[in-house]
Amino acid sequence: MISADLEMSQLARMPTARFDTPLALVHDKIVIALGGKTSKYHGTKRCEAIDTTTGQWINVAPIPFFCVNTTAVVMKERYVYLMPGNNREM
């Protein structure tokens, strides 16, 4: 996390290491990671969120299917929409 004066501090490690992951910011403090890739040929349906004020990770319900090339959008500071990408396994 980076504070307003640009000082960095490390929060708890993400439970599931991943990349190519759409992220969503809710209420200016919760960052949600939705699925993503765990290796070149494997993905995950797992979703996890971090509360940036406490540094605690929270498990969120998984997405129903693995998909790639997705984007997350937050509406009204409450609803997270995962835009459809390609519904396929690696």
Protein backbone atom coordinates (compact mmCIF):
# COMPACT_ATOMS: atom_id res chain seq x y z
CA MET A 1 0.00 0.00 0.00
CA ILE A 2 1.23 3.54 -0.73
CA SER A 3 0.20 6.37 1.58
CA ALA A 4 -0.58 9.93 0.47
CA ASP A 5 3.05 10.90 1.15
CA LEU A 6 4.19 8.02 -1.12
CA GLU A 7 5.53 5.81 1.66
CA MET A 8 5.08 2.11 0.90
CA SER A 9 4.09 -0.66 3.28
CA GLN A 10 3.50 -4.33 2.61
CA LEU A 11 0.14 -5.90 3.35
CA ALA A 12 -0.49 -9.62 3.88
CA ARG A 13 0.38 -11.88 0.94
CA MET A 14 -2.40 -12.81 -1.47
CA PRO A 15 -3.58 -16.36 -0.63
CA THR A 16 -3.68 -17.48 -4.28
CA ALA A 17 -0.75 -16.28 -6.40
CA ARG A 18 -2.09 -15.20 -9.80
CA PHE A 19 -1.66 -12.89 -12.77
CA ASP A 20 -3.81 -11.53 -15.63
CA THR A 21 -6.41 -10.92 -12.94
CA PRO A 22 -9.16 -8.33 -13.18
CA LEU A 23 -9.34 -6.19 -10.05
CA ALA A 24 -12.22 -4.17 -8.62
CA LEU A 25 -12.07 -1.40 -6.01
CA VAL A 26 -15.15 -1.18 -3.78
CA HIS A 27 -15.82 1.59 -1.23
CA ASP A 28 -12.31 2.97 -1.80
CA LYS A 29 -10.84 0.30 0.50
CA ILE A 30 -11.67 -3.24 -0.69
CA VAL A 31 -9.72 -4.61 -3.66
CA ILE A 32 -11.20 -7.78 -5.16
CA ALA A 33 -9.17 -10.16 -7.37
CA LEU A 34 -11.47 -12.15 -9.67
CA GLY A 35 -10.05 -15.39 -11.03
CA GLY A 36 -6.91 -15.08 -13.15
CA LYS A 37 -4.08 -17.35 -14.19
CA THR A 38 -1.97 -19.34 -11.76
CA SER A 39 0.48 -20.49 -14.45
CA LYS A 40 0.82 -20.29 -18.22
CA TYR A 41 -1.63 -23.17 -18.73
CA HIS A 42 -3.81 -23.05 -15.58
CA GLY A 43 -6.34 -20.62 -14.24
CA THR A 44 -8.42 -20.22 -11.13
CA LYS A 45 -12.04 -19.45 -10.40
CA ARG A 46 -11.11 -18.27 -6.89
CA CYS A 47 -11.91 -14.73 -5.86
CA GLU A 48 -10.29 -13.01 -2.91
CA ALA A 49 -10.52 -9.50 -1.50
CA ILE A 50 -8.22 -7.46 0.69
CA ASP A 51 -9.39 -4.79 3.07
CA THR A 52 -6.68 -2.18 2.64
CA THR A 53 -7.47 -0.59 6.01
CA THR A 54 -6.80 -3.81 7.97
CA GLY A 55 -4.58 -5.75 5.55
CA GLN A 56 -6.81 -8.84 5.94
CA TRP A 57 -7.68 -11.13 3.03
CA ILE A 58 -11.26 -12.36 2.67
CA ASN A 59 -12.46 -15.31 0.55
CA VAL A 60 -15.20 -14.33 -1.88
CA ALA A 61 -17.50 -16.71 -3.79
CA PRO A 62 -15.72 -18.10 -6.89
CA ILE A 63 -16.68 -17.09 -10.40
CA PRO A 64 -18.85 -19.77 -12.07
CA PHE A 65 -16.36 -20.62 -14.82
CA PHE A 66 -12.80 -19.86 -15.77
CA CYS A 67 -12.45 -17.12 -18.37
CA VAL A 68 -9.65 -15.02 -19.85
CA ASN A 69 -9.48 -11.49 -21.29
CA THR A 70 -11.93 -10.12 -18.72
CA THR A 71 -12.45 -6.73 -17.12
CA ALA A 72 -14.13 -5.82 -13.84
CA VAL A 73 -16.39 -2.80 -13.41
CA VAL A 74 -17.78 -1.41 -10.14
CA MET A 75 -21.16 0.33 -10.17
CA LYS A 76 -22.58 2.47 -7.36
CA GLU A 77 -19.62 1.56 -5.11
CA ARG A 78 -21.34 -1.77 -4.49
CA TYR A 79 -21.92 -3.97 -7.53
CA VAL A 80 -19.01 -5.71 -9.24
CA TYR A 81 -19.55 -6.84 -12.81
CA LEU A 82 -17.10 -9.18 -14.50
CA MET A 83 -17.29 -8.50 -18.23
CA PRO A 84 -17.29 -11.67 -20.29
CA GLY A 85 -14.02 -12.64 -21.83
CA ASN A 86 -13.30 -15.98 -23.42
CA ASN A 87 -14.89 -18.88 -21.59
CA ARG A 88 -12.23 -21.52 -22.08
CA GLU A 89 -9.61 -23.44 -20.24
CA MET A 90 -6.05 -22.58 -21.09
